[in-house]
Amino acid sequence: MAKINLNVNGKKYEVDIDPDTPVLWVLRDHLDLVGTKFGCGMAQCGACTVLLGDDAVRSCVLPVSNVQDKQITTIEGLSAEGDHPVQKAWLEHDVAQCGYCQAGQIMSAVGLLRKSPKPGEEEIAAAMHGNICRCGTYLRIRAAVMTAANS
């Protein structure tokens, strides 16, 4: 066990935890931030995506010791009112069906737009490629990212 200092959604936390614990479980089980979902546990589906600085990362395989004092943003920290441009575009395009993957999809889209504010369709497809949507709303996801980029 070790004391790890975290900066999540602009708030400081200290957790006493095994340093190899994945960030996903720290967020869900210790900080009660359950918007980030467990999907595959192997960084293959994207449901657990959060932002580390401006980078979209898979929290299910990222040891908490690797993020000490770095800025982590979860879906809960994106916008208190749900009015981030990506969230608004998601609603406009009626993207979510079951919704399970959507937090990870949104965080990947935000990470892309922070690095490339006006991406083309190929760049959007490449950035979103690792996020699996069981409902198959990929065309609406891409349209929503494009709308957010143009807002």
N, C-alpha and C. Protein backbone atom coordinates (compact mmCIF):
# COMPACT_ATOMS: atom_id res chain seq x y z
N MET A 1 0.84 -1.18 0.00
CA MET A 1 0.00 0.00 0.00
C MET A 1 0.89 1.25 0.00
N ALA A 2 0.37 2.28 -0.65
CA ALA A 2 1.11 3.54 -0.71
C ALA A 2 0.12 4.69 -0.79
N LYS A 3 0.53 5.82 -0.32
CA LYS A 3 -0.30 7.02 -0.44
C LYS A 3 -0.02 7.64 -1.81
N ILE A 4 -1.10 7.79 -2.58
CA ILE A 4 -0.99 8.34 -3.94
C ILE A 4 -1.83 9.62 -3.99
N ASN A 5 -1.21 10.69 -4.46
CA ASN A 5 -1.92 11.96 -4.64
C ASN A 5 -2.49 12.02 -6.05
N LEU A 6 -3.77 12.34 -6.13
CA LEU A 6 -4.45 12.40 -7.41
C LEU A 6 -5.10 13.76 -7.60
N ASN A 7 -5.19 14.17 -8.84
CA ASN A 7 -5.90 15.39 -9.23
C ASN A 7 -6.95 14.94 -10.24
N VAL A 8 -8.18 14.81 -9.77
CA VAL A 8 -9.27 14.30 -10.61
C VAL A 8 -10.36 15.35 -10.71
N ASN A 9 -10.65 15.74 -11.93
CA ASN A 9 -11.70 16.73 -12.19
C ASN A 9 -11.48 18.02 -11.41
N GLY A 10 -10.21 18.38 -11.26
CA GLY A 10 -9.85 19.62 -10.59
C GLY A 10 -9.84 19.55 -9.08
N LYS A 11 -10.07 18.36 -8.52
CA LYS A 11 -10.04 18.19 -7.06
C LYS A 11 -8.85 17.32 -6.68
N LYS A 12 -8.29 17.61 -5.52
CA LYS A 12 -7.15 16.84 -5.01
C LYS A 12 -7.66 15.71 -4.11
N TYR A 13 -7.06 14.54 -4.28
CA TYR A 13 -7.38 13.38 -3.47
C TYR A 13 -6.09 12.71 -3.04
N GLU A 14 -6.15 12.02 -1.90
CA GLU A 14 -5.06 11.15 -1.49
C GLU A 14 -5.69 9.80 -1.20
N VAL A 15 -5.17 8.77 -1.85
CA VAL A 15 -5.67 7.42 -1.61
C VAL A 15 -4.53 6.56 -1.11
N ASP A 16 -4.84 5.68 -0.20
CA ASP A 16 -3.88 4.72 0.31
C ASP A 16 -4.21 3.39 -0.35
N ILE A 17 -3.40 3.00 -1.34
CA ILE A 17 -3.79 1.90 -2.21
C ILE A 17 -2.56 1.21 -2.79
N ASP A 18 -2.74 0.01 -3.26
CA ASP A 18 -1.68 -0.70 -3.99
C ASP A 18 -1.35 0.12 -5.23
N PRO A 19 -0.10 0.48 -5.44
CA PRO A 19 0.28 1.33 -6.57
C PRO A 19 -0.03 0.73 -7.94
N ASP A 20 -0.22 -0.59 -8.01
CA ASP A 20 -0.53 -1.24 -9.28
C ASP A 20 -2.03 -1.27 -9.59
N THR A 21 -2.86 -0.77 -8.69
CA THR A 21 -4.30 -0.75 -8.92
C THR A 21 -4.61 0.11 -10.14
N PRO A 22 -5.41 -0.42 -11.08
CA PRO A 22 -5.78 0.39 -12.24
C PRO A 22 -6.59 1.64 -11.83
N VAL A 23 -6.33 2.72 -12.53
CA VAL A 23 -7.03 3.99 -12.27
C VAL A 23 -8.54 3.79 -12.28
N LEU A 24 -9.05 2.96 -13.18
CA LEU A 24 -10.49 2.72 -13.27
C LEU A 24 -11.08 2.35 -11.92
N TRP A 25 -10.43 1.44 -11.21
CA TRP A 25 -10.98 0.97 -9.94
C TRP A 25 -10.81 1.99 -8.83
N VAL A 26 -9.78 2.82 -8.92
CA VAL A 26 -9.64 3.90 -7.95
C VAL A 26 -10.79 4.89 -8.15
N LEU A 27 -11.04 5.24 -9.40
CA LEU A 27 -12.13 6.18 -9.70
C LEU A 27 -13.47 5.64 -9.21
N ARG A 28 -13.77 4.41 -9.56
CA ARG A 28 -15.08 3.84 -9.25
C ARG A 28 -15.24 3.45 -7.78
N ASP A 29 -14.25 2.75 -7.25
CA ASP A 29 -14.40 2.16 -5.92
C ASP A 29 -13.95 3.06 -4.77
N HIS A 30 -13.07 3.99 -5.05
CA HIS A 30 -12.54 4.82 -3.96
C HIS A 30 -13.01 6.27 -4.04
N LEU A 31 -13.26 6.77 -5.26
CA LEU A 31 -13.70 8.16 -5.41
C LEU A 31 -15.17 8.26 -5.79
N ASP A 32 -15.83 7.13 -5.97
CA ASP A 32 -17.26 7.07 -6.31
C ASP A 32 -17.59 7.83 -7.60
N LEU A 33 -16.67 7.78 -8.55
CA LEU A 33 -16.89 8.37 -9.87
C LEU A 33 -17.17 7.22 -10.83
N VAL A 34 -18.44 6.86 -10.96
CA VAL A 34 -18.82 5.64 -11.66
C VAL A 34 -19.23 5.86 -13.12
N GLY A 35 -19.03 7.06 -13.64
CA GLY A 35 -19.34 7.31 -15.04
C GLY A 35 -18.39 6.60 -15.97
N THR A 36 -17.16 6.38 -15.54
CA THR A 36 -16.18 5.63 -16.31
C THR A 36 -16.50 4.16 -16.14
N LYS A 37 -16.67 3.46 -17.25
CA LYS A 37 -17.16 2.08 -17.21
C LYS A 37 -16.07 1.04 -17.38
N PHE A 38 -16.30 -0.13 -16.82
CA PHE A 38 -15.47 -1.30 -17.08
C PHE A 38 -16.07 -2.02 -18.27
N GLY A 39 -15.23 -2.30 -19.25
CA GLY A 39 -15.70 -3.04 -20.42
C GLY A 39 -14.98 -4.37 -20.53
N CYS A 40 -13.75 -4.31 -20.99
CA CYS A 40 -13.00 -5.54 -21.27
C CYS A 40 -11.87 -5.79 -20.28
N GLY A 41 -11.34 -4.75 -19.66
CA GLY A 41 -10.21 -4.90 -18.75
C GLY A 41 -8.87 -5.09 -19.45
N MET A 42 -8.86 -4.94 -20.79
CA MET A 42 -7.63 -5.14 -21.56
C MET A 42 -7.31 -3.97 -22.48
N ALA A 43 -7.93 -2.81 -22.25
CA ALA A 43 -7.69 -1.61 -23.05
C ALA A 43 -8.06 -1.79 -24.51
N GLN A 44 -9.05 -2.64 -24.78
CA GLN A 44 -9.43 -2.92 -26.16
C GLN A 44 -10.77 -2.31 -26.57
N CYS A 45 -11.63 -1.94 -25.60
CA CYS A 45 -12.98 -1.51 -25.98
C CYS A 45 -13.22 -0.01 -25.82
N GLY A 46 -12.48 0.67 -24.96
CA GLY A 46 -12.60 2.11 -24.80
C GLY A 46 -13.62 2.59 -23.78
N ALA A 47 -14.38 1.69 -23.18
CA ALA A 47 -15.41 2.12 -22.22
C ALA A 47 -14.81 2.84 -21.02
N CYS A 48 -13.56 2.56 -20.70
CA CYS A 48 -12.91 3.12 -19.52
C CYS A 48 -12.10 4.38 -19.81
N THR A 49 -12.27 4.96 -20.99
CA THR A 49 -11.43 6.09 -21.39
C THR A 49 -11.65 7.32 -20.52
N VAL A 50 -10.55 7.90 -20.08
CA VAL A 50 -10.52 9.18 -19.36
C VAL A 50 -9.45 10.03 -20.02
N LEU A 51 -9.37 11.28 -19.62
CA LEU A 51 -8.30 12.13 -20.11
C LEU A 51 -7.20 12.23 -19.06
N LEU A 52 -5.98 12.08 -19.50
CA LEU A 52 -4.80 12.31 -18.67
C LEU A 52 -4.13 13.50 -19.32
N GLY A 53 -4.33 14.68 -18.71
CA GLY A 53 -3.98 15.92 -19.40
C GLY A 53 -4.94 16.06 -20.56
N ASP A 54 -4.42 16.12 -21.78
CA ASP A 54 -5.27 16.18 -22.97
C ASP A 54 -5.33 14.86 -23.72
N ASP A 55 -4.69 13.83 -23.17
CA ASP A 55 -4.62 12.54 -23.85
C ASP A 55 -5.71 11.60 -23.38
N ALA A 56 -6.42 11.00 -24.33
CA ALA A 56 -7.39 9.96 -24.01
C ALA A 56 -6.62 8.68 -23.70
N VAL A 57 -6.85 8.12 -22.51
CA VAL A 57 -6.15 6.92 -22.07
C VAL A 57 -7.15 5.90 -21.53
N ARG A 58 -6.75 4.65 -21.58
CA ARG A 58 -7.58 3.56 -21.05
C ARG A 58 -7.25 3.37 -19.58
N SER A 59 -8.19 3.65 -18.73
CA SER A 59 -7.94 3.61 -17.28
C SER A 59 -7.95 2.20 -16.70
N CYS A 60 -8.42 1.22 -17.45
CA CYS A 60 -8.49 -0.14 -16.91
C CYS A 60 -7.13 -0.82 -16.80
N VAL A 61 -6.13 -0.32 -17.52
CA VAL A 61 -4.79 -0.92 -17.47
C VAL A 61 -3.73 0.05 -16.99
N LEU A 62 -4.13 1.25 -16.63
CA LEU A 62 -3.19 2.29 -16.22
C LEU A 62 -3.02 2.26 -14.70
N PRO A 63 -1.82 1.87 -14.21
CA PRO A 63 -1.61 1.83 -12.76
C PRO A 63 -1.72 3.22 -12.14
N VAL A 64 -2.36 3.30 -11.01
CA VAL A 64 -2.56 4.58 -10.34
C VAL A 64 -1.23 5.25 -10.02
N SER A 65 -0.19 4.48 -9.82
CA SER A 65 1.12 5.08 -9.52
C SER A 65 1.66 5.88 -10.70
N ASN A 66 1.19 5.63 -11.91
CA ASN A 66 1.65 6.35 -13.09
C ASN A 66 0.97 7.70 -13.28
N VAL A 67 -0.05 7.99 -12.50
CA VAL A 67 -0.80 9.23 -12.69
C VAL A 67 -0.71 10.18 -11.52
N GLN A 68 0.13 9.87 -10.57
CA GLN A 68 0.25 10.71 -9.38
C GLN A 68 0.48 12.17 -9.78
N ASP A 69 -0.34 13.05 -9.25
CA ASP A 69 -0.27 14.50 -9.44
C ASP A 69 -0.56 14.96 -10.87
N LYS A 70 -0.93 14.08 -11.77
CA LYS A 70 -1.29 14.48 -13.13
C LYS A 70 -2.79 14.75 -13.19
N GLN A 71 -3.21 15.62 -14.09
CA GLN A 71 -4.62 15.98 -14.22
C GLN A 71 -5.39 14.87 -14.92
N ILE A 72 -6.38 14.31 -14.23
CA ILE A 72 -7.28 13.30 -14.78
C ILE A 72 -8.65 13.96 -14.92
N THR A 73 -9.28 13.76 -16.06
CA THR A 73 -10.65 14.23 -16.25
C THR A 73 -11.53 13.04 -16.62
N THR A 74 -12.61 12.88 -15.87
CA THR A 74 -13.59 11.83 -16.16
C THR A 74 -14.80 12.48 -16.79
N ILE A 75 -15.75 11.68 -17.19
CA ILE A 75 -16.98 12.21 -17.77
C ILE A 75 -17.68 13.15 -16.79
N GLU A 76 -17.58 12.86 -15.50
CA GLU A 76 -18.21 13.73 -14.49
C GLU A 76 -17.57 15.10 -14.46
N GLY A 77 -16.30 15.19 -14.79
CA GLY A 77 -15.58 16.46 -14.72
C GLY A 77 -15.59 17.24 -16.02
N LEU A 78 -16.17 16.68 -17.05
CA LEU A 78 -16.17 17.35 -18.35
C LEU A 78 -17.01 18.62 -18.31
N SER A 79 -18.20 18.52 -17.72
CA SER A 79 -19.09 19.67 -17.62
C SER A 79 -20.14 19.39 -16.56
N ALA A 80 -20.24 20.26 -15.59
CA ALA A 80 -21.21 20.08 -14.51
C ALA A 80 -22.64 20.09 -15.02
N GLU A 81 -22.88 20.85 -16.09
CA GLU A 81 -24.24 20.99 -16.62
C GLU A 81 -24.50 20.11 -17.84
N GLY A 82 -23.51 19.34 -18.25
CA GLY A 82 -23.68 18.51 -19.44
C GLY A 82 -23.72 19.33 -20.72
N ASP A 83 -23.08 20.50 -20.69
CA ASP A 83 -23.17 21.40 -21.85
C ASP A 83 -21.84 21.57 -22.58
N HIS A 84 -20.94 20.63 -22.41
CA HIS A 84 -19.71 20.64 -23.20
C HIS A 84 -20.12 20.46 -24.67
N PRO A 85 -19.43 21.09 -25.61
CA PRO A 85 -19.80 20.97 -27.02
C PRO A 85 -19.94 19.53 -27.52
N VAL A 86 -19.11 18.63 -27.02
CA VAL A 86 -19.23 17.23 -27.45
C VAL A 86 -20.50 16.61 -26.88
N GLN A 87 -20.80 16.89 -25.63
CA GLN A 87 -22.03 16.36 -25.04
C GLN A 87 -23.27 16.90 -25.77
N LYS A 88 -23.24 18.17 -26.10
CA LYS A 88 -24.36 18.77 -26.83
C LYS A 88 -24.51 18.15 -28.22
N ALA A 89 -23.39 17.91 -28.88
CA ALA A 89 -23.44 17.28 -30.20
C ALA A 89 -23.96 15.84 -30.10
N TRP A 90 -23.60 15.14 -29.03
CA TRP A 90 -24.09 13.78 -28.82
C TRP A 90 -25.62 13.78 -28.76
N LEU A 91 -26.18 14.75 -28.05
CA LEU A 91 -27.64 14.84 -27.95
C LEU A 91 -28.26 15.23 -29.29
N GLU A 92 -27.64 16.19 -29.95
CA GLU A 92 -28.15 16.65 -31.25
C GLU A 92 -28.23 15.51 -32.26
N HIS A 93 -27.26 14.62 -32.23
CA HIS A 93 -27.22 13.52 -33.20
C HIS A 93 -27.83 12.23 -32.64
N ASP A 94 -28.40 12.30 -31.45
CA ASP A 94 -29.06 11.14 -30.84
C ASP A 94 -28.14 9.91 -30.89
N VAL A 95 -26.90 10.11 -30.44
CA VAL A 95 -25.88 9.07 -30.56
C VAL A 95 -26.19 7.86 -29.67
N ALA A 96 -26.47 8.10 -28.41
CA ALA A 96 -26.55 7.00 -27.45
C ALA A 96 -27.78 6.12 -27.68
N GLN A 97 -27.56 4.83 -27.60
CA GLN A 97 -28.66 3.89 -27.55
C GLN A 97 -28.62 3.23 -26.18
N CYS A 98 -27.80 2.21 -26.01
CA CYS A 98 -27.73 1.61 -24.67
C CYS A 98 -26.93 2.52 -23.73
N GLY A 99 -25.98 3.26 -24.30
CA GLY A 99 -25.24 4.25 -23.53
C GLY A 99 -24.00 3.75 -22.81
N TYR A 100 -23.77 2.45 -22.77
CA TYR A 100 -22.67 1.94 -21.96
C TYR A 100 -21.31 2.48 -22.39
N CYS A 101 -21.08 2.58 -23.67
CA CYS A 101 -19.76 3.01 -24.17
C CYS A 101 -19.64 4.53 -24.26
N GLN A 102 -20.71 5.24 -24.06
CA GLN A 102 -20.74 6.65 -24.42
C GLN A 102 -19.78 7.54 -23.64
N ALA A 103 -19.58 7.28 -22.37
CA ALA A 103 -18.62 8.11 -21.62
C ALA A 103 -17.23 7.97 -22.23
N GLY A 104 -16.83 6.75 -22.55
CA GLY A 104 -15.53 6.54 -23.18
C GLY A 104 -15.45 7.14 -24.57
N GLN A 105 -16.54 7.04 -25.32
CA GLN A 105 -16.58 7.63 -26.66
C GLN A 105 -16.42 9.15 -26.56
N ILE A 106 -17.17 9.76 -25.66
CA ILE A 106 -17.12 11.21 -25.49
C ILE A 106 -15.73 11.66 -25.06
N MET A 107 -15.13 10.95 -24.12
CA MET A 107 -13.80 11.35 -23.66
C MET A 107 -12.76 11.19 -24.77
N SER A 108 -12.89 10.17 -25.59
CA SER A 108 -11.98 10.03 -26.74
C SER A 108 -12.18 11.18 -27.72
N ALA A 109 -13.42 11.57 -27.96
CA ALA A 109 -13.70 12.68 -28.86
C ALA A 109 -13.13 13.98 -28.31
N VAL A 110 -13.28 14.22 -27.02
CA VAL A 110 -12.73 15.43 -26.41
C VAL A 110 -11.21 15.44 -26.53
N GLY A 111 -10.58 14.30 -26.27
CA GLY A 111 -9.13 14.21 -26.41
C GLY A 111 -8.68 14.54 -27.83
N LEU A 112 -9.41 14.02 -28.81
CA LEU A 112 -9.09 14.34 -30.21
C LEU A 112 -9.22 15.83 -30.47
N LEU A 113 -10.33 16.42 -30.06
CA LEU A 113 -10.59 17.83 -30.36
C LEU A 113 -9.64 18.77 -29.61
N ARG A 114 -9.12 18.34 -28.49
CA ARG A 114 -8.13 19.17 -27.79
C ARG A 114 -6.82 19.22 -28.57
N LYS A 115 -6.50 18.14 -29.26
CA LYS A 115 -5.26 18.08 -30.02
C LYS A 115 -5.44 18.56 -31.46
N SER A 116 -6.63 18.35 -31.99
CA SER A 116 -6.91 18.70 -33.38
C SER A 116 -8.31 19.30 -33.44
N PRO A 117 -8.45 20.60 -33.21
CA PRO A 117 -9.77 21.23 -33.11
C PRO A 117 -10.65 21.12 -34.36
N LYS A 118 -10.06 20.93 -35.52
CA LYS A 118 -10.83 20.82 -36.76
C LYS A 118 -10.41 19.57 -37.54
N PRO A 119 -10.68 18.39 -36.98
CA PRO A 119 -10.24 17.16 -37.64
C PRO A 119 -11.08 16.85 -38.88
N GLY A 120 -10.47 16.15 -39.80
CA GLY A 120 -11.20 15.63 -40.95
C GLY A 120 -11.83 14.30 -40.61
N GLU A 121 -12.62 13.77 -41.53
CA GLU A 121 -13.32 12.51 -41.27
C GLU A 121 -12.36 11.36 -41.02
N GLU A 122 -11.26 11.31 -41.75
CA GLU A 122 -10.29 10.22 -41.56
C GLU A 122 -9.64 10.31 -40.18
N GLU A 123 -9.34 11.53 -39.75
CA GLU A 123 -8.73 11.71 -38.43
C GLU A 123 -9.71 11.32 -37.32
N ILE A 124 -10.98 11.67 -37.51
CA ILE A 124 -12.01 11.27 -36.53
C ILE A 124 -12.12 9.76 -36.48
N ALA A 125 -12.19 9.12 -37.64
CA ALA A 125 -12.31 7.66 -37.68
C ALA A 125 -11.12 7.00 -37.00
N ALA A 126 -9.91 7.51 -37.25
CA ALA A 126 -8.72 6.93 -36.64
C ALA A 126 -8.72 7.11 -35.12
N ALA A 127 -9.10 8.30 -34.66
CA ALA A 127 -9.09 8.58 -33.22
C ALA A 127 -10.15 7.77 -32.47
N MET A 128 -11.28 7.53 -33.12
CA MET A 128 -12.39 6.84 -32.46
C MET A 128 -12.35 5.33 -32.69
N HIS A 129 -11.42 4.87 -33.50
CA HIS A 129 -11.35 3.47 -33.90
C HIS A 129 -11.31 2.49 -32.74
N GLY A 130 -10.63 2.80 -31.68
CA GLY A 130 -10.49 1.87 -30.57
C GLY A 130 -11.66 1.83 -29.61
N ASN A 131 -12.70 2.60 -29.87
CA ASN A 131 -13.87 2.61 -29.01
C ASN A 131 -14.98 1.76 -29.66
N ILE A 132 -15.37 0.71 -28.98
CA ILE A 132 -16.37 -0.20 -29.51
C ILE A 132 -17.76 0.22 -29.03
N CYS A 133 -18.69 0.27 -29.96
CA CYS A 133 -20.09 0.55 -29.67
C CYS A 133 -20.90 -0.68 -30.08
N ARG A 134 -21.43 -1.38 -29.11
CA ARG A 134 -22.20 -2.59 -29.41
C ARG A 134 -23.47 -2.29 -30.19
N CYS A 135 -23.96 -1.07 -30.08
CA CYS A 135 -25.19 -0.69 -30.78
C CYS A 135 -24.92 -0.21 -32.21
N GLY A 136 -23.66 0.01 -32.54
CA GLY A 136 -23.28 0.36 -33.90
C GLY A 136 -23.61 1.78 -34.32
N THR A 137 -23.51 2.73 -33.42
CA THR A 137 -23.85 4.12 -33.76
C THR A 137 -22.65 4.89 -34.30
N TYR A 138 -21.75 4.21 -34.96
CA TYR A 138 -20.51 4.83 -35.42
C TYR A 138 -20.72 6.03 -36.33
N LEU A 139 -21.66 5.96 -37.24
CA LEU A 139 -21.90 7.09 -38.14
C LEU A 139 -22.39 8.31 -37.37
N ARG A 140 -23.26 8.10 -36.39
CA ARG A 140 -23.73 9.22 -35.57
C ARG A 140 -22.62 9.76 -34.69
N ILE A 141 -21.75 8.87 -34.20
CA ILE A 141 -20.60 9.31 -33.39
C ILE A 141 -19.72 10.23 -34.22
N ARG A 142 -19.39 9.81 -35.41
CA ARG A 142 -18.53 10.64 -36.29
C ARG A 142 -19.20 11.97 -36.60
N ALA A 143 -20.50 11.94 -36.87
CA ALA A 143 -21.22 13.18 -37.17
C ALA A 143 -21.21 14.10 -35.96
N ALA A 144 -21.37 13.54 -34.77
CA ALA A 144 -21.37 14.36 -33.55
C ALA A 144 -20.00 14.98 -33.31
N VAL A 145 -18.93 14.22 -33.55
CA VAL A 145 -17.59 14.78 -33.38
C VAL A 145 -17.39 15.93 -34.35
N MET A 146 -17.84 15.75 -35.59
CA MET A 146 -17.70 16.81 -36.59
C MET A 146 -18.51 18.06 -36.17
N THR A 147 -19.71 17.85 -35.66
CA THR A 147 -20.53 18.97 -35.19
C THR A 147 -19.84 19.70 -34.04
N ALA A 148 -19.30 18.95 -33.09
CA ALA A 148 -18.59 19.56 -31.96
C ALA A 148 -17.38 20.36 -32.45
N ALA A 149 -16.69 19.83 -33.45
CA ALA A 149 -15.52 20.52 -33.98
C ALA A 149 -15.90 21.82 -34.65
N ASN A 150 -17.10 21.89 -35.18
CA ASN A 150 -17.54 23.09 -35.90
C ASN A 150 -18.33 24.06 -35.02
N SER A 151 -18.45 23.73 -33.73
CA SER A 151 -19.23 24.62 -32.84
C SER A 151 -18.35 25.67 -32.18
